[in-house]
Amino acid sequence: MASISVKTIKDVKDKTAKLLDLLGVDSKVAVSAEEGRIKVSVDSKDKALLIGWRGENLFALRYVLALLCREMLPEKTALMVDVGGYLKDKERRIDRIVDAAVKKVKDTGMEEMLPPMNPYERMLAHQRAAGTKGITSYSEGAGSGRRIFIGKEGSRD
């Protein structure tokens, strides 16, 4: 995986600041790089506007920023955008949901179905479940009806 240069980090920060300025949003932008990812953190008094309902505006902001930065990013570099710690809070919430489901599965031996989640949330849930020995997760359904199930390894065989 190609390393991420200081120039790339500065360029991403500049593009982010310019985009937010064009949107009329007063903000502070910090950019860091780790493990093949560039993390953009935005702090603003307009964070509710930037995040939107259930993070929809935040995901749209990330999409637009990824399009603006795609030529400058090394191949296979993920671009993460967080506003006011929203994604960190969401990760903690998903972790709690998965941990509770894992406990129920271990206690009862029965599969647990998680509440509806968007694709990003499902990815987080699968990653959390994968980190637990003896537990597996899978998704079923389509669109907004897609759900994650958590069970003991081998329970689907």
Protein backbone atom coordinates (compact mmCIF):
# COMPACT_ATOMS: atom_id res chain seq x y z
CA MET A 1 0.00 0.00 0.00
CA ALA A 2 1.39 3.40 -0.97
CA SER A 3 2.27 5.76 1.83
CA ILE A 4 0.36 9.00 2.19
CA SER A 5 2.54 12.08 1.80
CA VAL A 6 2.43 15.24 3.90
CA LYS A 7 1.55 17.12 0.69
CA THR A 8 -1.48 14.86 0.12
CA ILE A 9 -2.67 15.48 3.67
CA LYS A 10 -2.30 19.25 3.20
CA ASP A 11 -4.10 19.11 -0.17
CA VAL A 12 -7.02 17.15 1.31
CA LYS A 13 -7.25 19.66 4.15
CA ASP A 14 -7.27 22.56 1.67
CA LYS A 15 -9.95 20.92 -0.52
CA THR A 16 -12.10 20.22 2.55
CA ALA A 17 -11.77 23.79 3.83
CA LYS A 18 -12.62 25.20 0.39
CA LEU A 19 -15.68 22.94 0.01
CA LEU A 20 -16.99 23.90 3.44
CA ASP A 21 -16.33 27.56 2.68
CA LEU A 22 -18.32 27.25 -0.57
CA LEU A 23 -21.15 25.73 1.47
CA GLY A 24 -21.03 28.76 3.78
CA VAL A 25 -19.96 26.71 6.78
CA ASP A 26 -17.52 28.18 9.28
CA SER A 27 -15.35 25.29 10.43
CA LYS A 28 -12.01 23.97 11.62
CA VAL A 29 -10.53 21.06 9.68
CA ALA A 30 -7.91 18.56 10.84
CA VAL A 31 -6.54 15.80 8.62
CA SER A 32 -4.47 12.77 9.60
CA ALA A 33 -3.33 9.58 7.91
CA GLU A 34 -3.11 6.04 9.28
CA GLU A 35 -3.21 2.50 7.91
CA GLY A 36 -4.12 3.43 4.33
CA ARG A 37 -6.80 5.88 5.43
CA ILE A 38 -7.06 9.61 5.48
CA LYS A 39 -9.21 10.88 8.33
CA VAL A 40 -10.81 14.29 7.99
CA SER A 41 -12.20 15.73 11.22
CA VAL A 42 -14.44 18.77 11.01
CA ASP A 43 -15.52 20.91 13.94
CA SER A 44 -18.22 23.50 13.34
CA LYS A 45 -21.10 25.22 15.05
CA ASP A 46 -23.12 24.01 12.04
CA LYS A 47 -22.46 20.34 12.80
CA ALA A 48 -26.17 19.44 12.83
CA LEU A 49 -26.42 20.73 9.25
CA LEU A 50 -23.25 18.89 8.19
CA ILE A 51 -24.33 15.62 9.79
CA GLY A 52 -28.00 15.68 8.77
CA TRP A 53 -30.66 13.11 9.60
CA ARG A 54 -28.97 9.82 10.61
CA GLY A 55 -25.71 11.05 9.06
CA GLU A 56 -27.04 11.42 5.50
CA ASN A 57 -25.44 14.83 4.94
CA LEU A 58 -22.17 13.60 6.41
CA PHE A 59 -22.09 10.63 4.03
CA ALA A 60 -22.89 12.96 1.11
CA LEU A 61 -20.10 15.30 2.21
CA ARG A 62 -17.67 12.37 2.31
CA TYR A 63 -18.78 11.28 -1.17
CA VAL A 64 -18.31 14.74 -2.69
CA LEU A 65 -14.96 15.19 -0.96
CA ALA A 66 -13.81 11.76 -2.19
CA LEU A 67 -14.68 12.80 -5.76
CA LEU A 68 -12.76 16.06 -5.36
CA CYS A 69 -9.71 14.28 -3.92
CA ARG A 70 -9.67 11.06 -5.95
CA GLU A 71 -6.80 12.14 -8.23
CA MET A 72 -4.51 13.03 -5.34
CA LEU A 73 -5.12 9.96 -3.16
CA PRO A 74 -2.87 6.91 -3.46
CA GLU A 75 -4.64 3.84 -4.84
CA LYS A 76 -6.82 1.97 -2.32
CA THR A 77 -6.76 4.84 0.19
CA ALA A 78 -10.00 5.25 2.12
CA LEU A 79 -11.24 8.72 2.96
CA MET A 80 -13.07 9.04 6.28
CA VAL A 81 -14.91 12.22 7.23
CA ASP A 82 -16.19 12.88 10.74
CA VAL A 83 -18.03 15.93 12.01
CA GLY A 84 -18.04 16.72 15.71
CA GLY A 85 -17.17 13.12 16.64
CA TYR A 86 -20.40 11.76 15.12
CA LEU A 87 -18.77 8.65 13.62
CA LYS A 88 -16.85 7.88 16.82
CA ASP A 89 -20.12 8.05 18.77
CA LYS A 90 -21.82 5.85 16.17
CA GLU A 91 -19.00 3.28 16.42
CA ARG A 92 -19.43 3.13 20.20
CA ARG A 93 -23.22 2.74 19.84
CA ILE A 94 -22.81 -0.09 17.29
CA ASP A 95 -20.22 -1.77 19.54
CA ARG A 96 -22.70 -1.73 22.46
CA ILE A 97 -25.48 -3.20 20.28
CA VAL A 98 -23.21 -5.98 18.96
CA ASP A 99 -21.77 -6.72 22.42
CA ALA A 100 -25.29 -7.09 23.86
CA ALA A 101 -26.28 -9.41 21.00
CA VAL A 102 -23.10 -11.49 21.44
CA LYS A 103 -23.84 -11.86 25.16
CA LYS A 104 -27.40 -13.05 24.38
CA VAL A 105 -26.09 -15.51 21.79
CA LYS A 106 -23.57 -16.92 24.27
CA ASP A 107 -26.19 -17.10 27.03
CA THR A 108 -29.02 -18.63 24.97
CA GLY A 109 -27.35 -20.23 21.96
CA MET A 110 -29.99 -18.53 19.77
CA GLU A 111 -29.21 -16.16 16.89
CA GLU A 112 -29.87 -12.47 17.42
CA MET A 113 -31.14 -10.08 14.74
CA LEU A 114 -29.81 -6.54 14.96
CA PRO A 115 -31.93 -3.45 14.24
CA PRO A 116 -31.89 -1.95 10.73
CA MET A 117 -28.58 -0.29 9.83
CA ASN A 118 -27.13 1.54 6.88
CA PRO A 119 -24.20 -0.09 5.00
CA TYR A 120 -21.55 1.73 7.05
CA GLU A 121 -23.17 0.65 10.32
CA ARG A 122 -23.44 -2.95 9.09
CA MET A 123 -19.74 -2.94 8.22
CA LEU A 124 -18.92 -1.76 11.75
CA ALA A 125 -21.18 -4.44 13.25
CA HIS A 126 -19.61 -7.22 11.16
CA GLN A 127 -16.12 -6.04 12.14
CA ARG A 128 -17.04 -6.00 15.83
CA ALA A 129 -18.60 -9.48 15.66
CA ALA A 130 -15.58 -10.84 13.75
CA GLY A 131 -13.39 -9.84 16.69
CA THR A 132 -15.25 -12.21 19.03
CA LYS A 133 -14.07 -15.82 19.18
CA GLY A 134 -16.78 -18.38 18.43
CA ILE A 135 -19.19 -15.80 16.98
CA THR A 136 -20.17 -15.19 13.37
CA SER A 137 -22.36 -12.64 11.62
CA TYR A 138 -24.14 -12.49 8.29
CA SER A 139 -26.56 -10.19 6.50
CA GLU A 140 -29.86 -11.07 4.86
CA GLY A 141 -32.37 -9.04 2.92
CA ALA A 142 -32.11 -6.11 0.57
CA GLY A 143 -32.23 -2.34 0.78
CA SER A 144 -33.63 -0.87 3.97
CA GLY A 145 -34.80 -4.36 4.99
CA ARG A 146 -31.25 -5.77 5.11
CA ARG A 147 -30.46 -7.07 8.60
CA ILE A 148 -27.48 -8.52 10.41
CA PHE A 149 -27.76 -11.78 12.31
CA ILE A 150 -25.26 -12.79 14.96
CA GLY A 151 -24.84 -16.40 16.03
CA LYS A 152 -22.38 -19.02 17.16
CA GLU A 153 -19.83 -20.17 14.61
CA GLY A 154 -21.20 -23.10 12.66
CA SER A 155 -24.82 -22.32 13.49
CA ARG A 156 -25.67 -21.78 9.80
CA ASP A 157 -24.16 -25.06 8.56
